[in-house]
């Protein structure tokens, strides 16, 4: 699973309007996000492997089952990916 390249080209950080970079998330972070979003997926397990990183805001927006979660309140700090 991955974000559609055409969609990625259109998305920007909601806080800074900066560019986003598709990044792999650490396994521990993926597991934490699966638990957080499990209740939103009734009959399937959410898949979390990647996020969208903004260097300007230092935030990572998780991609849950191919759906970018572009809410600043749901974003992770850059330290979650070692940046």
C-alpha atoms as a PDB file:
ATOM      1  CA  UNK A   1       0.000   0.000   0.000  1.00  0.00           C
ATOM      2  CA  UNK A   2       1.218   3.461  -0.830  1.00  0.00           C
ATOM      3  CA  UNK A   3      -0.095   6.944  -1.440  1.00  0.00           C
ATOM      4  CA  UNK A   4      -1.038   7.648  -5.051  1.00  0.00           C
ATOM      5  CA  UNK A   5       1.775   9.791  -6.561  1.00  0.00           C
ATOM      6  CA  UNK A   6      -0.780  12.152  -8.140  1.00  0.00           C
ATOM      7  CA  UNK A   7      -2.411  12.718  -4.751  1.00  0.00           C
ATOM      8  CA  UNK A   8       0.970  13.212  -3.101  1.00  0.00           C
ATOM      9  CA  UNK A   9       1.818  15.917  -5.636  1.00  0.00           C
ATOM     10  CA  UNK A  10      -1.312  17.845  -4.588  1.00  0.00           C
ATOM     11  CA  UNK A  11      -1.025  17.522  -0.806  1.00  0.00           C
ATOM     12  CA  UNK A  12       0.707  20.129   1.356  1.00  0.00           C
ATOM     13  CA  UNK A  13       1.181  20.522   5.094  1.00  0.00           C
ATOM     14  CA  UNK A  14      -2.016  22.014   6.551  1.00  0.00           C
ATOM     15  CA  UNK A  15       0.011  24.231   8.919  1.00  0.00           C
ATOM     16  CA  UNK A  16       2.748  25.620   6.692  1.00  0.00           C
ATOM     17  CA  UNK A  17       1.596  24.714   3.164  1.00  0.00           C
ATOM     18  CA  UNK A  18       5.069  23.160   2.806  1.00  0.00           C
ATOM     19  CA  UNK A  19       5.998  20.164   0.690  1.00  0.00           C
ATOM     20  CA  UNK A  20       5.520  16.655   2.015  1.00  0.00           C
ATOM     21  CA  UNK A  21       7.915  13.726   1.763  1.00  0.00           C
ATOM     22  CA  UNK A  22       6.706  10.121   1.937  1.00  0.00           C
ATOM     23  CA  UNK A  23       8.638   8.351   4.720  1.00  0.00           C
ATOM     24  CA  UNK A  24       8.636   4.899   6.294  1.00  0.00           C
ATOM     25  CA  UNK A  25       7.529   4.816   9.923  1.00  0.00           C
ATOM     26  CA  UNK A  26       9.337   2.789  12.601  1.00  0.00           C
ATOM     27  CA  UNK A  27       7.619  -0.485  13.524  1.00  0.00           C
ATOM     28  CA  UNK A  28       6.819   0.662  17.086  1.00  0.00           C
ATOM     29  CA  UNK A  29       5.122   3.797  15.749  1.00  0.00           C
ATOM     30  CA  UNK A  30       3.132   1.730  13.248  1.00  0.00           C
ATOM     31  CA  UNK A  31       1.888  -0.563  16.004  1.00  0.00           C
ATOM     32  CA  UNK A  32       0.865   2.402  18.158  1.00  0.00           C
ATOM     33  CA  UNK A  33      -1.066   3.954  15.262  1.00  0.00           C
ATOM     34  CA  UNK A  34      -2.804   0.662  14.426  1.00  0.00           C
ATOM     35  CA  UNK A  35      -4.139   0.581  17.984  1.00  0.00           C
ATOM     36  CA  UNK A  36      -5.169   4.248  17.851  1.00  0.00           C
ATOM     37  CA  UNK A  37      -7.106   3.878  14.585  1.00  0.00           C
ATOM     38  CA  UNK A  38      -8.468   0.335  15.044  1.00  0.00           C
ATOM     39  CA  UNK A  39     -11.886   1.581  16.198  1.00  0.00           C
ATOM     40  CA  UNK A  40     -12.360   3.453  12.900  1.00  0.00           C
ATOM     41  CA  UNK A  41     -12.050   0.216  10.898  1.00  0.00           C
ATOM     42  CA  UNK A  42     -14.874  -2.148  11.749  1.00  0.00           C
ATOM     43  CA  UNK A  43     -14.138  -5.267   9.725  1.00  0.00           C
ATOM     44  CA  UNK A  44     -10.476  -4.889   8.863  1.00  0.00           C
ATOM     45  CA  UNK A  45      -7.137  -4.186  10.481  1.00  0.00           C
ATOM     46  CA  UNK A  46      -5.762  -0.718   9.645  1.00  0.00           C
ATOM     47  CA  UNK A  47      -2.469  -0.821   7.736  1.00  0.00           C
ATOM     48  CA  UNK A  48       0.180   1.678   8.804  1.00  0.00           C
ATOM     49  CA  UNK A  49       3.645   1.768   7.238  1.00  0.00           C
ATOM     50  CA  UNK A  50       4.230   5.297   6.000  1.00  0.00           C
ATOM     51  CA  UNK A  51       3.733   8.937   6.825  1.00  0.00           C
ATOM     52  CA  UNK A  52       4.026  12.300   5.129  1.00  0.00           C
ATOM     53  CA  UNK A  53       6.809  14.416   6.613  1.00  0.00           C
ATOM     54  CA  UNK A  54       6.951  18.212   6.434  1.00  0.00           C
ATOM     55  CA  UNK A  55      10.415  19.642   7.118  1.00  0.00           C
ATOM     56  CA  UNK A  56       9.011  23.135   7.757  1.00  0.00           C
ATOM     57  CA  UNK A  57       6.540  22.163  10.480  1.00  0.00           C
ATOM     58  CA  UNK A  58       8.547  19.154  11.723  1.00  0.00           C
ATOM     59  CA  UNK A  59       5.364  17.060  11.643  1.00  0.00           C
ATOM     60  CA  UNK A  60       4.587  13.621  10.231  1.00  0.00           C
ATOM     61  CA  UNK A  61       1.051  12.946   9.027  1.00  0.00           C
ATOM     62  CA  UNK A  62       0.284   9.214   9.212  1.00  0.00           C
ATOM     63  CA  UNK A  63      -1.034   7.279   6.227  1.00  0.00           C
ATOM     64  CA  UNK A  64      -3.638   4.793   7.455  1.00  0.00           C
ATOM     65  CA  UNK A  65      -4.715   2.129   4.931  1.00  0.00           C
ATOM     66  CA  UNK A  66      -3.733   4.415   2.020  1.00  0.00           C
ATOM     67  CA  UNK A  67      -5.553   7.416   3.527  1.00  0.00           C
ATOM     68  CA  UNK A  68      -3.370  10.370   4.578  1.00  0.00           C
ATOM     69  CA  UNK A  69      -4.588  11.817   7.880  1.00  0.00           C
ATOM     70  CA  UNK A  70      -3.956  15.493   7.236  1.00  0.00           C
ATOM     71  CA  UNK A  71      -4.972  16.860  10.642  1.00  0.00           C
ATOM     72  CA  UNK A  72      -2.389  18.741  12.689  1.00  0.00           C
ATOM     73  CA  UNK A  73      -3.911  17.306  15.888  1.00  0.00           C
ATOM     74  CA  UNK A  74      -3.233  13.773  14.620  1.00  0.00           C
ATOM     75  CA  UNK A  75       0.288  14.483  13.337  1.00  0.00           C
ATOM     76  CA  UNK A  76       3.380  12.992  14.947  1.00  0.00           C
ATOM     77  CA  UNK A  77       6.512  14.930  15.893  1.00  0.00           C
ATOM     78  CA  UNK A  78       9.494  14.568  13.557  1.00  0.00           C
ATOM     79  CA  UNK A  79      11.334  12.812  16.394  1.00  0.00           C
ATOM     80  CA  UNK A  80       9.051   9.811  15.805  1.00  0.00           C
ATOM     81  CA  UNK A  81      11.009   9.165  12.600  1.00  0.00           C
ATOM     82  CA  UNK A  82      14.379  10.240  13.951  1.00  0.00           C
ATOM     83  CA  UNK A  83      14.468  13.751  12.484  1.00  0.00           C
END
